[in-house]
């Protein structure tokens, strides 16, 4: 039953019954989207053919060096650095970074320097920090869709540094 009360259109329907098309409008089919939360923005670009194999490999090498060097900011307490008393009143020694960590940091810094100051920002944001392209473009104040072009140029330079063919 339809009626008008206080300027509102009232529709009565049975429980479980779909509203009439005239009230709800034409129905659209439901769509579902599957999102892989573990996928990186670089992986997303690669899976859609927006970066080449060589560029993807260079980005993954850079990210691996970033992670191995432990350059990401920490959000919790680092318990492996907790002071341990040594003997009577001895000071705790600070943890010694491994040679692999030091080498990774050197490689990462050299690769970023090789890319250049203008390209390092987009590399760090998309490849290392895992920011999406839209977020990185906005943060850098760039026009929409310009980040992908700049990122591909930066990844080509990184591929040269890592000697990826």
Protein backbone atom coordinates (compact mmCIF):
# COMPACT_ATOMS: atom_id res chain seq x y z
CA UNK A 1 0.00 0.00 0.00
CA UNK A 2 1.23 3.41 -0.83
CA UNK A 3 0.22 6.53 0.95
CA UNK A 4 1.46 10.00 1.68
CA UNK A 5 1.84 11.14 5.25
CA UNK A 6 3.64 14.35 6.17
CA UNK A 7 5.12 14.68 2.68
CA UNK A 8 6.76 11.22 2.84
CA UNK A 9 5.97 8.31 0.58
CA UNK A 10 5.14 5.24 2.64
CA UNK A 11 5.48 1.73 1.28
CA UNK A 12 4.28 -1.35 3.07
CA UNK A 13 5.87 -4.66 2.24
CA UNK A 14 6.17 -8.06 3.73
CA UNK A 15 9.32 -9.06 5.62
CA UNK A 16 11.86 -10.48 3.19
CA UNK A 17 10.09 -8.94 0.20
CA UNK A 18 12.21 -6.70 -2.02
CA UNK A 19 11.11 -3.07 -2.30
CA UNK A 20 9.28 -2.12 -5.46
CA UNK A 21 11.45 -0.93 -8.34
CA UNK A 22 9.56 2.34 -8.50
CA UNK A 23 10.77 3.21 -4.98
CA UNK A 24 14.28 1.71 -5.06
CA UNK A 25 15.10 2.29 -8.70
CA UNK A 26 16.59 -0.21 -11.13
CA UNK A 27 18.61 -2.91 -9.41
CA UNK A 28 22.27 -3.45 -10.21
CA UNK A 29 24.02 -6.78 -9.97
CA UNK A 30 26.26 -7.13 -6.92
CA UNK A 31 29.99 -7.03 -7.58
CA UNK A 32 32.75 -8.46 -5.49
CA UNK A 33 36.39 -7.50 -5.43
CA UNK A 34 39.21 -9.66 -4.17
CA UNK A 35 42.09 -7.72 -2.62
CA UNK A 36 45.43 -9.27 -1.77
CA UNK A 37 46.61 -7.27 1.23
CA UNK A 38 50.09 -8.77 0.96
CA UNK A 39 50.59 -7.40 -2.56
CA UNK A 40 52.91 -4.42 -2.82
CA UNK A 41 52.12 -1.38 -4.97
CA UNK A 42 55.04 -2.36 -7.22
CA UNK A 43 53.60 -5.87 -7.56
CA UNK A 44 50.24 -4.35 -8.44
CA UNK A 45 51.84 -2.24 -11.19
CA UNK A 46 53.76 -5.27 -12.50
CA UNK A 47 50.70 -7.52 -12.59
CA UNK A 48 48.92 -4.95 -14.78
CA UNK A 49 51.86 -4.52 -17.17
CA UNK A 50 52.69 -0.97 -16.07
CA UNK A 51 56.30 -1.84 -15.19
CA UNK A 52 58.60 -4.27 -16.99
CA UNK A 53 60.22 -7.40 -15.59
CA UNK A 54 63.54 -5.57 -15.31
CA UNK A 55 61.97 -2.64 -13.45
CA UNK A 56 60.10 -4.95 -11.09
CA UNK A 57 63.27 -6.92 -10.29
CA UNK A 58 65.17 -3.69 -9.62
CA UNK A 59 62.44 -2.47 -7.28
CA UNK A 60 62.41 -5.77 -5.42
CA UNK A 61 66.21 -5.65 -5.01
CA UNK A 62 65.95 -2.13 -3.62
CA UNK A 63 63.17 -3.14 -1.22
CA UNK A 64 65.16 -6.19 -0.09
CA UNK A 65 68.16 -3.98 0.70
CA UNK A 66 65.84 -1.56 2.54
CA UNK A 67 64.40 -4.36 4.68
CA UNK A 68 67.71 -6.14 5.28
CA UNK A 69 69.29 -2.86 6.41
CA UNK A 70 66.39 -2.39 8.86
CA UNK A 71 65.81 1.20 7.79
CA UNK A 72 62.05 1.14 8.36
CA UNK A 73 60.79 3.05 11.40
CA UNK A 74 59.91 0.88 14.37
CA UNK A 75 56.54 1.09 16.02
CA UNK A 76 57.26 -1.01 19.09
CA UNK A 77 60.05 -1.58 21.57
CA UNK A 78 63.09 -3.42 20.25
CA UNK A 79 63.62 -6.09 22.87
CA UNK A 80 66.88 -7.38 21.42
CA UNK A 81 68.48 -4.07 22.41
CA UNK A 82 67.43 -4.25 26.05
CA UNK A 83 70.41 -3.64 28.35
CA UNK A 84 71.90 -6.64 30.05
CA UNK A 85 74.00 -6.17 33.18
CA UNK A 86 77.51 -7.53 32.79
CA UNK A 87 79.23 -8.37 36.04
CA UNK A 88 79.26 -5.78 38.79
CA UNK A 89 78.00 -2.43 37.58
CA UNK A 90 79.12 -3.09 34.02
CA UNK A 91 77.40 -1.19 31.26
CA UNK A 92 75.39 -3.08 28.69
CA UNK A 93 76.90 -3.25 25.26
CA UNK A 94 74.84 -2.05 22.33
CA UNK A 95 73.92 -4.63 19.72
CA UNK A 96 76.37 -4.82 16.88
CA UNK A 97 74.79 -4.60 13.42
CA UNK A 98 75.68 -7.52 11.23
CA UNK A 99 77.87 -7.11 8.18
CA UNK A 100 74.92 -8.07 5.96
CA UNK A 101 72.90 -5.23 7.47
CA UNK A 102 75.73 -2.74 6.96
CA UNK A 103 76.29 -3.90 3.36
CA UNK A 104 72.58 -3.63 2.61
CA UNK A 105 72.49 -0.11 3.98
CA UNK A 106 75.46 0.88 1.82
CA UNK A 107 73.87 -0.66 -1.29
CA UNK A 108 70.54 1.03 -0.59
CA UNK A 109 72.10 4.45 -0.06
CA UNK A 110 74.29 4.08 -3.15
CA UNK A 111 71.30 2.99 -5.28
CA UNK A 112 69.20 5.94 -4.10
CA UNK A 113 72.13 8.31 -4.78
CA UNK A 114 72.55 6.76 -8.25
CA UNK A 115 68.86 7.37 -9.02
CA UNK A 116 69.17 11.02 -8.11
CA UNK A 117 67.43 13.40 -5.74
CA UNK A 118 64.33 13.93 -7.88
CA UNK A 119 63.69 10.21 -8.31
CA UNK A 120 64.57 9.01 -4.82
CA UNK A 121 61.32 10.32 -3.32
CA UNK A 122 58.98 8.26 -5.52
CA UNK A 123 61.22 5.19 -5.17
CA UNK A 124 61.16 5.33 -1.41
CA UNK A 125 57.43 6.01 -1.17
CA UNK A 126 56.20 3.32 -3.58
CA UNK A 127 58.89 0.62 -3.35
CA UNK A 128 60.06 0.85 0.27
CA UNK A 129 57.20 2.45 2.21
CA UNK A 130 54.53 0.65 0.18
CA UNK A 131 52.43 3.74 -0.56
CA UNK A 132 50.02 3.59 -3.44
CA UNK A 133 50.70 5.70 -6.48
CA UNK A 134 47.82 8.11 -5.80
CA UNK A 135 48.98 8.72 -2.22
CA UNK A 136 52.60 9.23 -3.33
CA UNK A 137 51.60 11.67 -6.08
CA UNK A 138 49.48 13.67 -3.64
CA UNK A 139 52.21 13.75 -0.99
CA UNK A 140 54.77 14.95 -3.54
CA UNK A 141 52.38 17.52 -5.01
CA UNK A 142 52.51 15.96 -8.47
CA UNK A 143 49.74 15.89 -11.07
CA UNK A 144 47.58 12.78 -11.29
CA UNK A 145 49.12 9.94 -13.36
CA UNK A 146 52.57 11.52 -13.49
CA UNK A 147 53.99 9.25 -10.79
CA UNK A 148 53.96 6.12 -12.94
CA UNK A 149 56.17 7.72 -15.59
CA UNK A 150 58.62 9.08 -13.03
CA UNK A 151 58.68 5.74 -11.18
CA UNK A 152 59.53 3.81 -14.36
CA UNK A 153 62.43 6.19 -15.04
CA UNK A 154 63.64 5.77 -11.45
CA UNK A 155 63.35 1.97 -11.66
CA UNK A 156 65.38 1.98 -14.90
CA UNK A 157 68.16 3.86 -13.12
CA UNK A 158 68.06 1.44 -10.19
CA UNK A 159 68.21 -1.48 -12.64
CA UNK A 160 71.37 0.07 -14.10
CA UNK A 161 72.85 0.34 -10.61
CA UNK A 162 72.08 -3.29 -9.77
CA UNK A 163 73.19 -4.35 -13.30
CA UNK A 164 69.91 -6.08 -14.06
CA UNK A 165 69.45 -6.91 -17.74
